[in-house]
C-alpha cells in the first residue's frame, strides 16, 4: 500500500490492537503508523483500521480503512 500516491513514506509502525472481543477467523485491528513527507520534513501520525481473516493458519488483510484514533 502506497500512502497518498507516493507523496508520503513509511517512517515507522506503531502499536496494533484488536478492536472488540472477537476470537473467530475474522478480526478488526487498529494499527498506528508514522508517515513522513520528505519534501517538507514533516511526520504525521495516522491510524488505520484493518480487517484481517485467518486461512490455513495464516492471517491476511481483507480490508484497510482510515481511522480516527
N, C-alpha and C. Protein backbone atom coordinates (compact mmCIF):
# COMPACT_ATOMS: atom_id res chain seq x y z
N UNK A 1 0.84 -1.17 0.00
CA UNK A 1 0.00 0.00 0.00
C UNK A 1 0.89 1.23 0.00
N UNK A 2 0.68 2.13 -0.92
CA UNK A 2 1.47 3.36 -1.02
C UNK A 2 0.61 4.51 -0.49
N UNK A 3 1.02 5.14 0.64
CA UNK A 3 0.21 6.22 1.21
C UNK A 3 0.13 7.44 0.30
N UNK A 4 -1.07 7.89 0.04
CA UNK A 4 -1.35 9.12 -0.73
C UNK A 4 -0.56 9.18 -2.04
N UNK A 5 -0.59 8.11 -2.78
CA UNK A 5 0.01 8.10 -4.10
C UNK A 5 1.51 8.28 -4.13
N UNK A 6 2.20 7.97 -3.06
CA UNK A 6 3.65 8.06 -3.03
C UNK A 6 4.19 9.36 -2.48
N UNK A 7 3.33 10.31 -2.12
CA UNK A 7 3.79 11.58 -1.57
C UNK A 7 4.36 11.41 -0.17
N UNK A 8 3.95 10.33 0.52
CA UNK A 8 4.43 10.07 1.88
C UNK A 8 5.17 8.73 1.89
N UNK A 9 6.07 8.58 2.85
CA UNK A 9 6.77 7.31 3.01
C UNK A 9 6.66 6.85 4.46
N UNK A 10 6.68 5.55 4.65
CA UNK A 10 6.57 4.99 5.99
C UNK A 10 7.82 5.31 6.79
N UNK A 11 7.63 5.93 7.96
CA UNK A 11 8.72 6.26 8.87
C UNK A 11 8.81 5.19 9.96
N UNK A 12 7.66 4.73 10.42
CA UNK A 12 7.65 3.69 11.45
C UNK A 12 6.24 3.20 11.72
N UNK A 13 6.16 1.97 12.19
CA UNK A 13 4.88 1.39 12.57
C UNK A 13 4.77 1.45 14.08
N UNK A 14 3.60 1.76 14.55
CA UNK A 14 3.36 1.83 15.99
C UNK A 14 2.67 0.59 16.49
N UNK A 15 1.77 0.80 17.41
CA UNK A 15 1.05 -0.31 18.03
C UNK A 15 -0.04 -0.85 17.12
N UNK A 16 -0.43 -2.07 17.42
CA UNK A 16 -1.61 -2.68 16.79
C UNK A 16 -2.41 -3.28 17.93
N UNK A 17 -3.71 -3.00 17.92
CA UNK A 17 -4.55 -3.60 18.96
C UNK A 17 -5.86 -4.05 18.35
N UNK A 18 -6.38 -5.11 18.92
CA UNK A 18 -7.62 -5.67 18.44
C UNK A 18 -8.80 -4.84 18.93
N UNK A 19 -9.77 -4.62 18.07
CA UNK A 19 -11.00 -3.94 18.43
C UNK A 19 -12.04 -4.99 18.75
N UNK A 20 -12.65 -4.90 19.89
CA UNK A 20 -13.66 -5.87 20.28
C UNK A 20 -13.06 -7.14 20.85
N UNK A 21 -13.93 -8.13 21.10
CA UNK A 21 -13.52 -9.37 21.76
C UNK A 21 -13.50 -10.57 20.82
N UNK A 22 -13.57 -10.37 19.55
CA UNK A 22 -13.70 -11.48 18.61
C UNK A 22 -12.55 -12.48 18.75
N UNK A 23 -12.91 -13.76 18.69
CA UNK A 23 -11.90 -14.82 18.72
C UNK A 23 -12.03 -15.73 17.51
N UNK A 24 -12.81 -15.33 16.53
CA UNK A 24 -13.03 -16.15 15.35
C UNK A 24 -11.98 -15.91 14.27
N UNK A 25 -12.26 -16.38 13.07
CA UNK A 25 -11.30 -16.26 11.96
C UNK A 25 -11.26 -14.88 11.30
N UNK A 26 -12.09 -13.93 11.76
CA UNK A 26 -12.07 -12.57 11.24
C UNK A 26 -12.01 -11.60 12.41
N UNK A 27 -11.12 -10.62 12.33
CA UNK A 27 -10.95 -9.66 13.42
C UNK A 27 -10.67 -8.27 12.86
N UNK A 28 -10.99 -7.26 13.67
CA UNK A 28 -10.69 -5.87 13.33
C UNK A 28 -9.57 -5.38 14.23
N UNK A 29 -8.60 -4.71 13.61
CA UNK A 29 -7.45 -4.16 14.34
C UNK A 29 -7.35 -2.66 14.10
N UNK A 30 -6.81 -1.96 15.08
CA UNK A 30 -6.45 -0.55 14.93
C UNK A 30 -4.92 -0.52 14.92
N UNK A 31 -4.35 -0.01 13.84
CA UNK A 31 -2.90 -0.01 13.67
C UNK A 31 -2.42 1.43 13.49
N UNK A 32 -1.40 1.80 14.24
CA UNK A 32 -0.83 3.15 14.15
C UNK A 32 0.41 3.12 13.26
N UNK A 33 0.62 4.21 12.54
CA UNK A 33 1.80 4.34 11.67
C UNK A 33 2.25 5.79 11.66
N UNK A 34 3.53 6.00 11.41
CA UNK A 34 4.07 7.35 11.22
C UNK A 34 4.54 7.45 9.77
N UNK A 35 4.01 8.45 9.07
CA UNK A 35 4.36 8.66 7.67
C UNK A 35 5.05 10.01 7.53
N UNK A 36 6.07 10.04 6.70
CA UNK A 36 6.83 11.27 6.51
C UNK A 36 6.63 11.85 5.12
N UNK A 37 6.71 13.16 5.06
CA UNK A 37 6.64 13.89 3.79
C UNK A 37 8.04 14.45 3.52
N UNK A 38 8.83 13.75 2.72
CA UNK A 38 10.23 14.13 2.51
C UNK A 38 10.44 15.56 2.03
N UNK A 39 9.55 16.06 1.19
CA UNK A 39 9.72 17.41 0.64
C UNK A 39 9.67 18.48 1.72
N UNK A 40 8.92 18.24 2.80
CA UNK A 40 8.77 19.24 3.88
C UNK A 40 9.46 18.83 5.17
N UNK A 41 9.84 17.57 5.28
CA UNK A 41 10.43 17.10 6.52
C UNK A 41 9.40 16.88 7.62
N UNK A 42 8.13 16.82 7.25
CA UNK A 42 7.05 16.65 8.23
C UNK A 42 6.79 15.17 8.46
N UNK A 43 6.35 14.84 9.69
CA UNK A 43 5.96 13.47 10.03
C UNK A 43 4.54 13.51 10.59
N UNK A 44 3.70 12.59 10.10
CA UNK A 44 2.30 12.54 10.50
C UNK A 44 1.99 11.21 11.19
N UNK A 45 1.25 11.27 12.27
CA UNK A 45 0.79 10.06 12.95
C UNK A 45 -0.60 9.72 12.40
N UNK A 46 -0.74 8.54 11.84
CA UNK A 46 -2.01 8.11 11.26
C UNK A 46 -2.43 6.78 11.86
N UNK A 47 -3.71 6.49 11.78
CA UNK A 47 -4.25 5.21 12.24
C UNK A 47 -5.05 4.58 11.12
N UNK A 48 -4.97 3.27 11.03
CA UNK A 48 -5.73 2.52 10.04
C UNK A 48 -6.51 1.42 10.74
N UNK A 49 -7.71 1.17 10.27
CA UNK A 49 -8.50 0.05 10.75
C UNK A 49 -8.33 -1.07 9.73
N UNK A 50 -7.87 -2.21 10.19
CA UNK A 50 -7.66 -3.36 9.32
C UNK A 50 -8.65 -4.46 9.66
N UNK A 51 -9.19 -5.08 8.64
CA UNK A 51 -10.00 -6.29 8.81
C UNK A 51 -9.08 -7.43 8.39
N UNK A 52 -8.79 -8.36 9.30
CA UNK A 52 -7.92 -9.48 8.98
C UNK A 52 -8.72 -10.77 9.09
N UNK A 53 -8.35 -11.73 8.24
CA UNK A 53 -9.00 -13.03 8.24
C UNK A 53 -7.93 -14.12 8.30
N UNK A 54 -8.27 -15.20 8.98
CA UNK A 54 -7.34 -16.31 9.12
C UNK A 54 -7.72 -17.42 8.15
N UNK A 55 -6.71 -17.91 7.42
CA UNK A 55 -6.91 -19.02 6.49
C UNK A 55 -5.71 -19.94 6.58
N UNK A 56 -5.98 -21.18 6.89
CA UNK A 56 -4.93 -22.20 6.95
C UNK A 56 -3.78 -21.78 7.87
N UNK A 57 -4.10 -21.19 9.00
CA UNK A 57 -3.08 -20.83 9.98
C UNK A 57 -2.33 -19.54 9.71
N UNK A 58 -2.71 -18.79 8.68
CA UNK A 58 -2.06 -17.51 8.37
C UNK A 58 -3.10 -16.41 8.37
N UNK A 59 -2.67 -15.19 8.73
CA UNK A 59 -3.57 -14.02 8.77
C UNK A 59 -3.33 -13.17 7.54
N UNK A 60 -4.43 -12.74 6.92
CA UNK A 60 -4.38 -11.90 5.72
C UNK A 60 -5.21 -10.64 5.93
N UNK A 61 -4.78 -9.53 5.36
CA UNK A 61 -5.53 -8.29 5.43
C UNK A 61 -6.62 -8.33 4.36
N UNK A 62 -7.86 -8.22 4.80
CA UNK A 62 -9.00 -8.27 3.89
C UNK A 62 -9.48 -6.86 3.51
N UNK A 63 -9.25 -5.88 4.39
CA UNK A 63 -9.71 -4.51 4.13
C UNK A 63 -8.88 -3.53 4.94
N UNK A 64 -8.71 -2.34 4.39
CA UNK A 64 -8.00 -1.25 5.06
C UNK A 64 -8.86 -0.01 4.98
N UNK A 65 -9.03 0.67 6.11
CA UNK A 65 -9.79 1.92 6.16
C UNK A 65 -9.00 2.92 6.99
N UNK A 66 -9.16 4.19 6.69
CA UNK A 66 -8.61 5.22 7.55
C UNK A 66 -9.39 5.21 8.86
N UNK A 67 -8.77 5.61 9.94
CA UNK A 67 -9.44 5.60 11.24
C UNK A 67 -9.06 6.85 12.01
N UNK A 68 -9.93 7.25 12.90
CA UNK A 68 -9.65 8.36 13.81
C UNK A 68 -9.34 7.75 15.16
N UNK A 69 -8.16 8.05 15.68
CA UNK A 69 -7.77 7.47 16.98
C UNK A 69 -7.74 8.54 18.05
